[in-house]
């Protein structure tokens, strides 16, 4: 099971892989969280400008928002991050369906098992 700090660290590592190894432009990466507190922790724990809100997207950082705010958004790469093993099927679907070519899910095993 992921704690919030573990989930944040794993998500940041996944974004690093997308940026450095797969050379995906930051503006084509979307990090989605199940809850605001995880979103805020991801934004606050990273160097300034790495993760931005939807409103700050023109600054060139990786957009980091809650799943609730992502309806209608699509990006080449999406990282879905949650520590909530009981995330609703609807929110999970919305988050997962934002990815065009790359999808990374950072979640408790119980939630990952529901996806199979």
PDB file of N, CA and C in Angstrom:
ATOM      1  N   UNK A   1       0.838  -1.177   0.000  1.00  0.00           N
ATOM      2  CA  UNK A   1       0.000   0.000   0.000  1.00  0.00           C
ATOM      3  C   UNK A   1       0.885   1.244   0.000  1.00  0.00           C
ATOM      4  N   UNK A   2       0.514   2.204  -0.777  1.00  0.00           N
ATOM      5  CA  UNK A   2       1.257   3.449  -0.847  1.00  0.00           C
ATOM      6  C   UNK A   2       0.768   4.423   0.208  1.00  0.00           C
ATOM      7  N   UNK A   3       1.718   5.062   0.862  1.00  0.00           N
ATOM      8  CA  UNK A   3       1.364   6.223   1.669  1.00  0.00           C
ATOM      9  C   UNK A   3       1.450   7.416   0.724  1.00  0.00           C
ATOM     10  N   UNK A   4       0.936   8.545   1.147  1.00  0.00           N
ATOM     11  CA  UNK A   4       0.987   9.722   0.281  1.00  0.00           C
ATOM     12  C   UNK A   4       2.423  10.068  -0.113  1.00  0.00           C
ATOM     13  N   UNK A   5       3.374  10.108   0.829  1.00  0.00           N
ATOM     14  CA  UNK A   5       4.749  10.436   0.416  1.00  0.00           C
ATOM     15  C   UNK A   5       5.333   9.414  -0.566  1.00  0.00           C
ATOM     16  N   UNK A   6       5.036   8.130  -0.379  1.00  0.00           N
ATOM     17  CA  UNK A   6       5.524   7.108  -1.314  1.00  0.00           C
ATOM     18  C   UNK A   6       4.902   7.279  -2.688  1.00  0.00           C
ATOM     19  N   UNK A   7       3.610   7.553  -2.717  1.00  0.00           N
ATOM     20  CA  UNK A   7       2.922   7.754  -3.997  1.00  0.00           C
ATOM     21  C   UNK A   7       3.479   8.970  -4.724  1.00  0.00           C
ATOM     22  N   UNK A   8       3.733  10.041  -3.982  1.00  0.00           N
ATOM     23  CA  UNK A   8       4.290  11.256  -4.572  1.00  0.00           C
ATOM     24  C   UNK A   8       5.668  10.970  -5.154  1.00  0.00           C
ATOM     25  N   UNK A   9       6.501  10.273  -4.398  1.00  0.00           N
ATOM     26  CA  UNK A   9       7.854   9.951  -4.865  1.00  0.00           C
ATOM     27  C   UNK A   9       7.814   9.069  -6.116  1.00  0.00           C
ATOM     28  N   UNK A  10       6.945   8.086  -6.116  1.00  0.00           N
ATOM     29  CA  UNK A  10       6.828   7.200  -7.280  1.00  0.00           C
ATOM     30  C   UNK A  10       6.307   7.960  -8.499  1.00  0.00           C
ATOM     31  N   UNK A  11       5.353   8.845  -8.286  1.00  0.00           N
ATOM     32  CA  UNK A  11       4.815   9.652  -9.388  1.00  0.00           C
ATOM     33  C   UNK A  11       5.886  10.562  -9.960  1.00  0.00           C
ATOM     34  N   UNK A  12       6.678  11.178  -9.101  1.00  0.00           N
ATOM     35  CA  UNK A  12       7.744  12.046  -9.571  1.00  0.00           C
ATOM     36  C   UNK A  12       8.780  11.254 -10.367  1.00  0.00           C
ATOM     37  N   UNK A  13       9.055  10.021  -9.947  1.00  0.00           N
ATOM     38  CA  UNK A  13       9.967   9.163 -10.692  1.00  0.00           C
ATOM     39  C   UNK A  13       9.407   8.801 -12.058  1.00  0.00           C
ATOM     40  N   UNK A  14       8.110   8.529 -12.108  1.00  0.00           N
ATOM     41  CA  UNK A  14       7.465   8.204 -13.390  1.00  0.00           C
ATOM     42  C   UNK A  14       7.530   9.391 -14.342  1.00  0.00           C
ATOM     43  N   UNK A  15       7.294  10.577 -13.828  1.00  0.00           N
ATOM     44  CA  UNK A  15       7.367  11.776 -14.667  1.00  0.00           C
ATOM     45  C   UNK A  15       8.805  11.987 -15.147  1.00  0.00           C
ATOM     46  N   UNK A  16       9.766  11.760 -14.277  1.00  0.00           N
ATOM     47  CA  UNK A  16      11.166  11.862 -14.680  1.00  0.00           C
ATOM     48  C   UNK A  16      11.481  10.926 -15.829  1.00  0.00           C
ATOM     49  N   UNK A  17      10.979   9.704 -15.762  1.00  0.00           N
ATOM     50  CA  UNK A  17      11.176   8.724 -16.844  1.00  0.00           C
ATOM     51  C   UNK A  17      10.540   9.213 -18.149  1.00  0.00           C
ATOM     52  N   UNK A  18       9.338   9.735 -18.061  1.00  0.00           N
ATOM     53  CA  UNK A  18       8.652  10.232 -19.259  1.00  0.00           C
ATOM     54  C   UNK A  18       9.420  11.401 -19.882  1.00  0.00           C
ATOM     55  N   UNK A  19       9.931  12.285 -19.046  1.00  0.00           N
ATOM     56  CA  UNK A  19      10.653  13.465 -19.536  1.00  0.00           C
ATOM     57  C   UNK A  19      12.037  13.114 -20.084  1.00  0.00           C
ATOM     58  N   UNK A  20      12.784  12.339 -19.324  1.00  0.00           N
ATOM     59  CA  UNK A  20      14.184  12.099 -19.657  1.00  0.00           C
ATOM     60  C   UNK A  20      14.396  10.915 -20.595  1.00  0.00           C
ATOM     61  N   UNK A  21      13.758   9.798 -20.311  1.00  0.00           N
ATOM     62  CA  UNK A  21      13.997   8.589 -21.102  1.00  0.00           C
ATOM     63  C   UNK A  21      13.140   8.537 -22.363  1.00  0.00           C
ATOM     64  N   UNK A  22      11.891   8.930 -22.237  1.00  0.00           N
ATOM     65  CA  UNK A  22      10.995   8.888 -23.406  1.00  0.00           C
ATOM     66  C   UNK A  22      10.950  10.222 -24.135  1.00  0.00           C
ATOM     67  N   UNK A  23      11.567  11.239 -23.565  1.00  0.00           N
ATOM     68  CA  UNK A  23      11.688  12.576 -24.140  1.00  0.00           C
ATOM     69  C   UNK A  23      10.323  13.135 -24.566  1.00  0.00           C
ATOM     70  N   UNK A  24       9.373  13.057 -23.654  1.00  0.00           N
ATOM     71  CA  UNK A  24       8.050  13.619 -23.897  1.00  0.00           C
ATOM     72  C   UNK A  24       8.059  15.058 -23.385  1.00  0.00           C
ATOM     73  N   UNK A  25       7.551  15.956 -24.176  1.00  0.00           N
ATOM     74  CA  UNK A  25       7.490  17.363 -23.803  1.00  0.00           C
ATOM     75  C   UNK A  25       6.632  17.512 -22.536  1.00  0.00           C
ATOM     76  N   UNK A  26       7.072  18.331 -21.569  1.00  0.00           N
ATOM     77  CA  UNK A  26       6.299  18.496 -20.338  1.00  0.00           C
ATOM     78  C   UNK A  26       4.842  18.900 -20.581  1.00  0.00           C
ATOM     79  N   UNK A  27       4.592  19.675 -21.613  1.00  0.00           N
ATOM     80  CA  UNK A  27       3.219  20.116 -21.879  1.00  0.00           C
ATOM     81  C   UNK A  27       2.333  18.977 -22.364  1.00  0.00           C
ATOM     82  N   UNK A  28       2.919  17.823 -22.683  1.00  0.00           N
ATOM     83  CA  UNK A  28       2.156  16.652 -23.114  1.00  0.00           C
ATOM     84  C   UNK A  28       2.029  15.597 -22.028  1.00  0.00           C
ATOM     85  N   UNK A  29       2.346  15.987 -20.792  1.00  0.00           N
ATOM     86  CA  UNK A  29       2.235  15.072 -19.650  1.00  0.00           C
ATOM     87  C   UNK A  29       1.215  15.644 -18.668  1.00  0.00           C
ATOM     88  N   UNK A  30       0.364  14.773 -18.174  1.00  0.00           N
ATOM     89  CA  UNK A  30      -0.679  15.153 -17.219  1.00  0.00           C
ATOM     90  C   UNK A  30      -0.586  14.222 -16.018  1.00  0.00           C
ATOM     91  N   UNK A  31      -0.460  14.781 -14.834  1.00  0.00           N
ATOM     92  CA  UNK A  31      -0.482  14.007 -13.596  1.00  0.00           C
ATOM     93  C   UNK A  31      -1.832  14.248 -12.942  1.00  0.00           C
ATOM     94  N   UNK A  32      -2.547  13.162 -12.683  1.00  0.00           N
ATOM     95  CA  UNK A  32      -3.882  13.259 -12.092  1.00  0.00           C
ATOM     96  C   UNK A  32      -3.904  12.554 -10.744  1.00  0.00           C
ATOM     97  N   UNK A  33      -4.543  13.181  -9.783  1.00  0.00           N
ATOM     98  CA  UNK A  33      -4.636  12.602  -8.453  1.00  0.00           C
ATOM     99  C   UNK A  33      -6.096  12.418  -8.053  1.00  0.00           C
ATOM    100  N   UNK A  34      -6.300  11.486  -7.144  1.00  0.00           N
ATOM    101  CA  UNK A  34      -7.646  11.254  -6.645  1.00  0.00           C
ATOM    102  C   UNK A  34      -8.119  12.322  -5.682  1.00  0.00           C
ATOM    103  N   UNK A  35      -7.168  13.009  -5.051  1.00  0.00           N
ATOM    104  CA  UNK A  35      -7.518  13.984  -4.022  1.00  0.00           C
ATOM    105  C   UNK A  35      -6.591  15.199  -4.068  1.00  0.00           C
ATOM    106  N   UNK A  36      -7.116  16.324  -3.629  1.00  0.00           N
ATOM    107  CA  UNK A  36      -6.355  17.581  -3.654  1.00  0.00           C
ATOM    108  C   UNK A  36      -5.080  17.526  -2.824  1.00  0.00           C
ATOM    109  N   UNK A  37      -5.125  16.845  -1.669  1.00  0.00           N
ATOM    110  CA  UNK A  37      -3.943  16.841  -0.812  1.00  0.00           C
ATOM    111  C   UNK A  37      -2.748  16.188  -1.500  1.00  0.00           C
ATOM    112  N   UNK A  38      -2.980  15.131  -2.266  1.00  0.00           N
ATOM    113  CA  UNK A  38      -1.884  14.489  -3.004  1.00  0.00           C
ATOM    114  C   UNK A  38      -1.414  15.409  -4.130  1.00  0.00           C
ATOM    115  N   UNK A  39      -2.364  16.035  -4.837  1.00  0.00           N
ATOM    116  CA  UNK A  39      -1.999  17.002  -5.886  1.00  0.00           C
ATOM    117  C   UNK A  39      -1.120  18.105  -5.325  1.00  0.00           C
ATOM    118  N   UNK A  40      -1.535  18.669  -4.188  1.00  0.00           N
ATOM    119  CA  UNK A  40      -0.788  19.758  -3.582  1.00  0.00           C
ATOM    120  C   UNK A  40       0.597  19.303  -3.136  1.00  0.00           C
ATOM    121  N   UNK A  41       0.687  18.090  -2.616  1.00  0.00           N
ATOM    122  CA  UNK A  41       1.976  17.580  -2.171  1.00  0.00           C
ATOM    123  C   UNK A  41       2.916  17.386  -3.370  1.00  0.00           C
ATOM    124  N   UNK A  42       2.401  16.881  -4.484  1.00  0.00           N
ATOM    125  CA  UNK A  42       3.226  16.721  -5.678  1.00  0.00           C
ATOM    126  C   UNK A  42       3.730  18.075  -6.150  1.00  0.00           C
ATOM    127  N   UNK A  43       2.841  19.034  -6.230  1.00  0.00           N
ATOM    128  CA  UNK A  43       3.245  20.377  -6.677  1.00  0.00           C
ATOM    129  C   UNK A  43       4.260  21.016  -5.738  1.00  0.00           C
ATOM    130  N   UNK A  44       4.031  20.879  -4.425  1.00  0.00           N
ATOM    131  CA  UNK A  44       4.872  21.553  -3.440  1.00  0.00           C
ATOM    132  C   UNK A  44       6.227  20.890  -3.240  1.00  0.00           C
ATOM    133  N   UNK A  45       6.316  19.578  -3.464  1.00  0.00           N
ATOM    134  CA  UNK A  45       7.570  18.861  -3.219  1.00  0.00           C
ATOM    135  C   UNK A  45       8.542  18.935  -4.379  1.00  0.00           C
ATOM    136  N   UNK A  46       8.116  19.413  -5.526  1.00  0.00           N
ATOM    137  CA  UNK A  46       8.969  19.466  -6.714  1.00  0.00           C
ATOM    138  C   UNK A  46       9.595  20.843  -6.854  1.00  0.00           C
ATOM    139  N   UNK A  47      10.691  20.914  -7.611  1.00  0.00           N
ATOM    140  CA  UNK A  47      11.276  22.241  -7.882  1.00  0.00           C
ATOM    141  C   UNK A  47      10.240  23.150  -8.544  1.00  0.00           C
ATOM    142  N   UNK A  48      10.340  24.435  -8.276  1.00  0.00           N
ATOM    143  CA  UNK A  48       9.389  25.400  -8.840  1.00  0.00           C
ATOM    144  C   UNK A  48       9.273  25.251 -10.346  1.00  0.00           C
ATOM    145  N   UNK A  49       8.054  25.263 -10.820  1.00  0.00           N
ATOM    146  CA  UNK A  49       7.801  25.216 -12.255  1.00  0.00           C
ATOM    147  C   UNK A  49       7.716  23.832 -12.851  1.00  0.00           C
ATOM    148  N   UNK A  50       8.054  22.786 -12.078  1.00  0.00           N
ATOM    149  CA  UNK A  50       7.983  21.425 -12.618  1.00  0.00           C
ATOM    150  C   UNK A  50       6.543  21.015 -12.841  1.00  0.00           C
ATOM    151  N   UNK A  51       5.701  21.200 -11.828  1.00  0.00           N
ATOM    152  CA  UNK A  51       4.287  20.851 -11.898  1.00  0.00           C
ATOM    153  C   UNK A  51       3.461  22.119 -11.782  1.00  0.00           C
ATOM    154  N   UNK A  52       2.499  22.269 -12.661  1.00  0.00           N
ATOM    155  CA  UNK A  52       1.683  23.473 -12.693  1.00  0.00           C
ATOM    156  C   UNK A  52       0.204  23.107 -12.684  1.00  0.00           C
ATOM    157  N   UNK A  53      -0.615  24.078 -12.359  1.00  0.00           N
ATOM    158  CA  UNK A  53      -2.062  23.902 -12.430  1.00  0.00           C
ATOM    159  C   UNK A  53      -2.520  24.051 -13.875  1.00  0.00           C
ATOM    160  N   UNK A  54      -3.758  23.701 -14.132  1.00  0.00           N
ATOM    161  CA  UNK A  54      -4.328  23.874 -15.472  1.00  0.00           C
ATOM    162  C   UNK A  54      -4.215  25.336 -15.906  1.00  0.00           C
ATOM    163  N   UNK A  55      -4.481  26.240 -14.981  1.00  0.00           N
ATOM    164  CA  UNK A  55      -4.440  27.665 -15.303  1.00  0.00           C
ATOM    165  C   UNK A  55      -3.028  28.152 -15.638  1.00  0.00           C
ATOM    166  N   UNK A  56      -2.014  27.469 -15.138  1.00  0.00           N
ATOM    167  CA  UNK A  56      -0.623  27.865 -15.376  1.00  0.00           C
ATOM    168  C   UNK A  56       0.033  27.091 -16.520  1.00  0.00           C
ATOM    169  N   UNK A  57      -0.752  26.346 -17.279  1.00  0.00           N
ATOM    170  CA  UNK A  57      -0.204  25.443 -18.298  1.00  0.00           C
ATOM    171  C   UNK A  57       0.676  26.129 -19.337  1.00  0.00           C
ATOM    172  N   UNK A  58       0.433  27.389 -19.619  1.00  0.00           N
ATOM    173  CA  UNK A  58       1.246  28.101 -20.604  1.00  0.00           C
ATOM    174  C   UNK A  58       2.676  28.311 -20.131  1.00  0.00           C
ATOM    175  N   UNK A  59       2.964  28.057 -18.849  1.00  0.00           N
ATOM    176  CA  UNK A  59       4.318  28.200 -18.320  1.00  0.00           C
ATOM    177  C   UNK A  59       5.226  27.035 -18.696  1.00  0.00           C
ATOM    178  N   UNK A  60       4.656  25.985 -19.310  1.00  0.00           N
ATOM    179  CA  UNK A  60       5.468  24.889 -19.824  1.00  0.00           C
ATOM    180  C   UNK A  60       5.739  23.745 -18.873  1.00  0.00           C
ATOM    181  N   UNK A  61       5.171  23.742 -17.701  1.00  0.00           N
ATOM    182  CA  UNK A  61       5.391  22.638 -16.769  1.00  0.00           C
ATOM    183  C   UNK A  61       4.435  21.486 -17.028  1.00  0.00           C
ATOM    184  N   UNK A  62       4.610  20.436 -16.257  1.00  0.00           N
ATOM    185  CA  UNK A  62       3.721  19.274 -16.299  1.00  0.00           C
ATOM    186  C   UNK A  62       2.454  19.644 -15.530  1.00  0.00           C
ATOM    187  N   UNK A  63       1.306  19.496 -16.159  1.00  0.00           N
ATOM    188  CA  UNK A  63       0.043  19.818 -15.483  1.00  0.00           C
ATOM    189  C   UNK A  63      -0.227  18.756 -14.418  1.00  0.00           C
ATOM    190  N   UNK A  64      -0.528  19.194 -13.217  1.00  0.00           N
ATOM    191  CA  UNK A  64      -0.865  18.308 -12.109  1.00  0.00           C
ATOM    192  C   UNK A  64      -2.179  18.792 -11.520  1.00  0.00           C
ATOM    193  N   UNK A  65      -3.208  17.979 -11.672  1.00  0.00           N
ATOM    194  CA  UNK A  65      -4.552  18.334 -11.220  1.00  0.00           C
ATOM    195  C   UNK A  65      -5.246  17.116 -10.625  1.00  0.00           C
ATOM    196  N   UNK A  66      -6.402  17.363 -10.030  1.00  0.00           N
ATOM    197  CA  UNK A  66      -7.219  16.249  -9.569  1.00  0.00           C
ATOM    198  C   UNK A  66      -7.974  15.668 -10.761  1.00  0.00           C
ATOM    199  N   UNK A  67      -8.395  14.439 -10.618  1.00  0.00           N
ATOM    200  CA  UNK A  67      -9.177  13.797 -11.680  1.00  0.00           C
ATOM    201  C   UNK A  67     -10.451  14.593 -11.943  1.00  0.00           C
ATOM    202  N   UNK A  68     -11.036  15.142 -10.896  1.00  0.00           N
ATOM    203  CA  UNK A  68     -12.266  15.932 -11.056  1.00  0.00           C
ATOM    204  C   UNK A  68     -12.088  17.077 -12.047  1.00  0.00           C
ATOM    205  N   UNK A  69     -10.909  17.665 -12.080  1.00  0.00           N
ATOM    206  CA  UNK A  69     -10.667  18.810 -12.959  1.00  0.00           C
ATOM    207  C   UNK A  69     -10.184  18.401 -14.351  1.00  0.00           C
ATOM    208  N   UNK A  70     -10.104  17.108 -14.631  1.00  0.00           N
ATOM    209  CA  UNK A  70      -9.473  16.662 -15.882  1.00  0.00           C
ATOM    210  C   UNK A  70     -10.446  16.282 -16.983  1.00  0.00           C
ATOM    211  N   UNK A  71     -11.718  16.354 -16.729  1.00  0.00           N
ATOM    212  CA  UNK A  71     -12.679  15.964 -17.764  1.00  0.00           C
ATOM    213  C   UNK A  71     -12.436  16.789 -19.024  1.00  0.00           C
ATOM    214  N   UNK A  72     -12.316  16.094 -20.138  1.00  0.00           N
ATOM    215  CA  UNK A  72     -12.093  16.758 -21.409  1.00  0.00           C
ATOM    216  C   UNK A  72     -10.633  16.990 -21.748  1.00  0.00           C
ATOM    217  N   UNK A  73      -9.741  16.758 -20.798  1.00  0.00           N
ATOM    218  CA  UNK A  73      -8.305  16.928 -21.061  1.00  0.00           C
ATOM    219  C   UNK A  73      -7.716  15.613 -21.540  1.00  0.00           C
ATOM    220  N   UNK A  74      -6.847  15.673 -22.524  1.00  0.00           N
ATOM    221  CA  UNK A  74      -6.094  14.505 -22.953  1.00  0.00           C
ATOM    222  C   UNK A  74      -4.654  14.927 -23.137  1.00  0.00           C
ATOM    223  N   UNK A  75      -3.747  14.026 -22.874  1.00  0.00           N
ATOM    224  CA  UNK A  75      -2.325  14.261 -23.078  1.00  0.00           C
ATOM    225  C   UNK A  75      -1.696  12.958 -23.567  1.00  0.00           C
ATOM    226  N   UNK A  76      -0.534  13.090 -24.199  1.00  0.00           N
ATOM    227  CA  UNK A  76       0.175  11.905 -24.675  1.00  0.00           C
ATOM    228  C   UNK A  76       0.468  10.952 -23.525  1.00  0.00           C
ATOM    229  N   UNK A  77       0.899  11.488 -22.401  1.00  0.00           N
ATOM    230  CA  UNK A  77       1.253  10.669 -21.243  1.00  0.00           C
ATOM    231  C   UNK A  77       0.477  11.139 -20.018  1.00  0.00           C
ATOM    232  N   UNK A  78      -0.062  10.168 -19.282  1.00  0.00           N
ATOM    233  CA  UNK A  78      -0.814  10.476 -18.069  1.00  0.00           C
ATOM    234  C   UNK A  78      -0.291   9.593 -16.943  1.00  0.00           C
ATOM    235  N   UNK A  79      -0.085  10.209 -15.781  1.00  0.00           N
ATOM    236  CA  UNK A  79       0.270   9.492 -14.564  1.00  0.00           C
ATOM    237  C   UNK A  79      -0.893   9.688 -13.599  1.00  0.00           C
ATOM    238  N   UNK A  80      -1.583   8.602 -13.247  1.00  0.00           N
ATOM    239  CA  UNK A  80      -2.684   8.656 -12.288  1.00  0.00           C
ATOM    240  C   UNK A  80      -2.119   8.230 -10.938  1.00  0.00           C
ATOM    241  N   UNK A  81      -2.287   9.088  -9.929  1.00  0.00           N
ATOM    242  CA  UNK A  81      -1.703   8.860  -8.612  1.00  0.00           C
ATOM    243  C   UNK A  81      -2.795   8.922  -7.555  1.00  0.00           C
ATOM    244  N   UNK A  82      -2.881   7.861  -6.749  1.00  0.00           N
ATOM    245  CA  UNK A  82      -3.814   7.894  -5.628  1.00  0.00           C
ATOM    246  C   UNK A  82      -3.318   6.959  -4.539  1.00  0.00           C
ATOM    247  N   UNK A  83      -3.634   7.287  -3.329  1.00  0.00           N
ATOM    248  CA  UNK A  83      -3.381   6.391  -2.201  1.00  0.00           C
ATOM    249  C   UNK A  83      -4.697   5.764  -1.748  1.00  0.00           C
ATOM    250  N   UNK A  84      -5.774   6.100  -2.446  1.00  0.00           N
ATOM    251  CA  UNK A  84      -7.132   5.701  -2.091  1.00  0.00           C
ATOM    252  C   UNK A  84      -7.498   4.393  -2.782  1.00  0.00           C
ATOM    253  N   UNK A  85      -7.502   3.295  -2.026  1.00  0.00           N
ATOM    254  CA  UNK A  85      -7.849   1.999  -2.616  1.00  0.00           C
ATOM    255  C   UNK A  85      -9.329   1.914  -2.976  1.00  0.00           C
ATOM    256  N   UNK A  86     -10.141   2.839  -2.469  1.00  0.00           N
ATOM    257  CA  UNK A  86     -11.569   2.837  -2.745  1.00  0.00           C
ATOM    258  C   UNK A  86     -11.998   3.890  -3.757  1.00  0.00           C
ATOM    259  N   UNK A  87     -11.060   4.387  -4.566  1.00  0.00           N
ATOM    260  CA  UNK A  87     -11.404   5.387  -5.580  1.00  0.00           C
ATOM    261  C   UNK A  87     -12.542   4.860  -6.450  1.00  0.00           C
ATOM    262  N   UNK A  88     -13.532   5.680  -6.715  1.00  0.00           N
ATOM    263  CA  UNK A  88     -14.708   5.219  -7.451  1.00  0.00           C
ATOM    264  C   UNK A  88     -14.342   4.791  -8.866  1.00  0.00           C
ATOM    265  N   UNK A  89     -15.127   3.880  -9.414  1.00  0.00           N
ATOM    266  CA  UNK A  89     -14.906   3.396 -10.784  1.00  0.00           C
ATOM    267  C   UNK A  89     -15.009   4.540 -11.781  1.00  0.00           C
ATOM    268  N   UNK A  90     -15.934   5.446 -11.522  1.00  0.00           N
ATOM    269  CA  UNK A  90     -16.116   6.579 -12.425  1.00  0.00           C
ATOM    270  C   UNK A  90     -14.856   7.442 -12.478  1.00  0.00           C
ATOM    271  N   UNK A  91     -14.336   7.827 -11.305  1.00  0.00           N
ATOM    272  CA  UNK A  91     -13.131   8.654 -11.285  1.00  0.00           C
ATOM    273  C   UNK A  91     -11.944   7.912 -11.875  1.00  0.00           C
ATOM    274  N   UNK A  92     -11.838   6.647 -11.577  1.00  0.00           N
ATOM    275  CA  UNK A  92     -10.746   5.852 -12.138  1.00  0.00           C
ATOM    276  C   UNK A  92     -10.829   5.848 -13.664  1.00  0.00           C
ATOM    277  N   UNK A  93     -12.019   5.632 -14.195  1.00  0.00           N
ATOM    278  CA  UNK A  93     -12.208   5.638 -15.653  1.00  0.00           C
ATOM    279  C   UNK A  93     -11.839   6.990 -16.261  1.00  0.00           C
ATOM    280  N   UNK A  94     -12.309   8.060 -15.650  1.00  0.00           N
ATOM    281  CA  UNK A  94     -12.011   9.396 -16.170  1.00  0.00           C
ATOM    282  C   UNK A  94     -10.504   9.614 -16.194  1.00  0.00           C
ATOM    283  N   UNK A  95      -9.823   9.272 -15.115  1.00  0.00           N
ATOM    284  CA  UNK A  95      -8.381   9.462 -15.052  1.00  0.00           C
ATOM    285  C   UNK A  95      -7.633   8.630 -16.074  1.00  0.00           C
ATOM    286  N   UNK A  96      -7.969   7.356 -16.167  1.00  0.00           N
ATOM    287  CA  UNK A  96      -7.264   6.457 -17.085  1.00  0.00           C
ATOM    288  C   UNK A  96      -7.514   6.816 -18.543  1.00  0.00           C
ATOM    289  N   UNK A  97      -8.683   7.313 -18.845  1.00  0.00           N
ATOM    290  CA  UNK A  97      -9.041   7.567 -20.242  1.00  0.00           C
ATOM    291  C   UNK A  97      -8.473   8.879 -20.787  1.00  0.00           C
ATOM    292  N   UNK A  98      -7.721   9.606 -19.986  1.00  0.00           N
ATOM    293  CA  UNK A  98      -7.097  10.848 -20.462  1.00  0.00           C
ATOM    294  C   UNK A  98      -5.811  10.587 -21.250  1.00  0.00           C
ATOM    295  N   UNK A  99      -5.250   9.368 -21.129  1.00  0.00           N
ATOM    296  CA  UNK A  99      -3.971   9.043 -21.772  1.00  0.00           C
ATOM    297  C   UNK A  99      -4.160   8.683 -23.241  1.00  0.00           C
ATOM    298  N   UNK A 100      -3.316   9.258 -24.095  1.00  0.00           N
ATOM    299  CA  UNK A 100      -3.335   8.945 -25.523  1.00  0.00           C
ATOM    300  C   UNK A 100      -2.375   7.799 -25.825  1.00  0.00           C
ATOM    301  N   UNK A 101      -1.108   7.877 -25.355  1.00  0.00           N
ATOM    302  CA  UNK A 101      -0.153   6.818 -25.669  1.00  0.00           C
ATOM    303  C   UNK A 101       0.554   6.167 -24.486  1.00  0.00           C
ATOM    304  N   UNK A 102       0.732   6.883 -23.380  1.00  0.00           N
ATOM    305  CA  UNK A 102       1.430   6.327 -22.221  1.00  0.00           C
ATOM    306  C   UNK A 102       0.576   6.537 -20.975  1.00  0.00           C
ATOM    307  N   UNK A 103       0.454   5.462 -20.191  1.00  0.00           N
ATOM    308  CA  UNK A 103      -0.311   5.533 -18.951  1.00  0.00           C
ATOM    309  C   UNK A 103       0.494   4.875 -17.839  1.00  0.00           C
ATOM    310  N   UNK A 104       0.644   5.594 -16.722  1.00  0.00           N
ATOM    311  CA  UNK A 104       1.288   5.068 -15.528  1.00  0.00           C
ATOM    312  C   UNK A 104       0.282   5.216 -14.399  1.00  0.00           C
ATOM    313  N   UNK A 105       0.092   4.148 -13.617  1.00  0.00           N
ATOM    314  CA  UNK A 105      -0.825   4.208 -12.481  1.00  0.00           C
ATOM    315  C   UNK A 105      -0.033   3.922 -11.213  1.00  0.00           C
ATOM    316  N   UNK A 106      -0.090   4.852 -10.273  1.00  0.00           N
ATOM    317  CA  UNK A 106       0.532   4.702  -8.965  1.00  0.00           C
ATOM    318  C   UNK A 106      -0.617   4.612  -7.972  1.00  0.00           C
ATOM    319  N   UNK A 107      -0.838   3.404  -7.431  1.00  0.00           N
ATOM    320  CA  UNK A 107      -2.007   3.188  -6.587  1.00  0.00           C
ATOM    321  C   UNK A 107      -1.790   1.966  -5.698  1.00  0.00           C
ATOM    322  N   UNK A 108      -2.603   1.831  -4.650  1.00  0.00           N
ATOM    323  CA  UNK A 108      -2.529   0.631  -3.822  1.00  0.00           C
ATOM    324  C   UNK A 108      -2.876  -0.613  -4.656  1.00  0.00           C
ATOM    325  N   UNK A 109      -2.313  -1.735  -4.271  1.00  0.00           N
ATOM    326  CA  UNK A 109      -2.529  -2.981  -5.013  1.00  0.00           C
ATOM    327  C   UNK A 109      -4.018  -3.328  -5.133  1.00  0.00           C
ATOM    328  N   UNK A 110      -4.803  -3.045  -4.098  1.00  0.00           N
ATOM    329  CA  UNK A 110      -6.235  -3.348  -4.146  1.00  0.00           C
ATOM    330  C   UNK A 110      -6.918  -2.621  -5.308  1.00  0.00           C
ATOM    331  N   UNK A 111      -6.519  -1.398  -5.565  1.00  0.00           N
ATOM    332  CA  UNK A 111      -7.098  -0.645  -6.669  1.00  0.00           C
ATOM    333  C   UNK A 111      -6.591  -1.180  -8.004  1.00  0.00           C
ATOM    334  N   UNK A 112      -5.319  -1.493  -8.070  1.00  0.00           N
ATOM    335  CA  UNK A 112      -4.763  -2.062  -9.299  1.00  0.00           C
ATOM    336  C   UNK A 112      -5.448  -3.390  -9.633  1.00  0.00           C
ATOM    337  N   UNK A 113      -5.757  -4.196  -8.631  1.00  0.00           N
ATOM    338  CA  UNK A 113      -6.440  -5.466  -8.859  1.00  0.00           C
ATOM    339  C   UNK A 113      -7.828  -5.258  -9.450  1.00  0.00           C
ATOM    340  N   UNK A 114      -8.489  -4.163  -9.099  1.00  0.00           N
ATOM    341  CA  UNK A 114      -9.818  -3.862  -9.644  1.00  0.00           C
ATOM    342  C   UNK A 114      -9.759  -3.508 -11.124  1.00  0.00           C
ATOM    343  N   UNK A 115      -8.589  -3.101 -11.600  1.00  0.00           N
ATOM    344  CA  UNK A 115      -8.447  -2.677 -12.979  1.00  0.00           C
ATOM    345  C   UNK A 115      -8.305  -3.860 -13.942  1.00  0.00           C
ATOM    346  N   UNK A 116      -8.007  -5.024 -13.435  1.00  0.00           N
ATOM    347  CA  UNK A 116      -7.760  -6.192 -14.294  1.00  0.00           C
ATOM    348  C   UNK A 116      -9.050  -6.780 -14.798  1.00  0.00           C
TER     349      UNK A 116
END
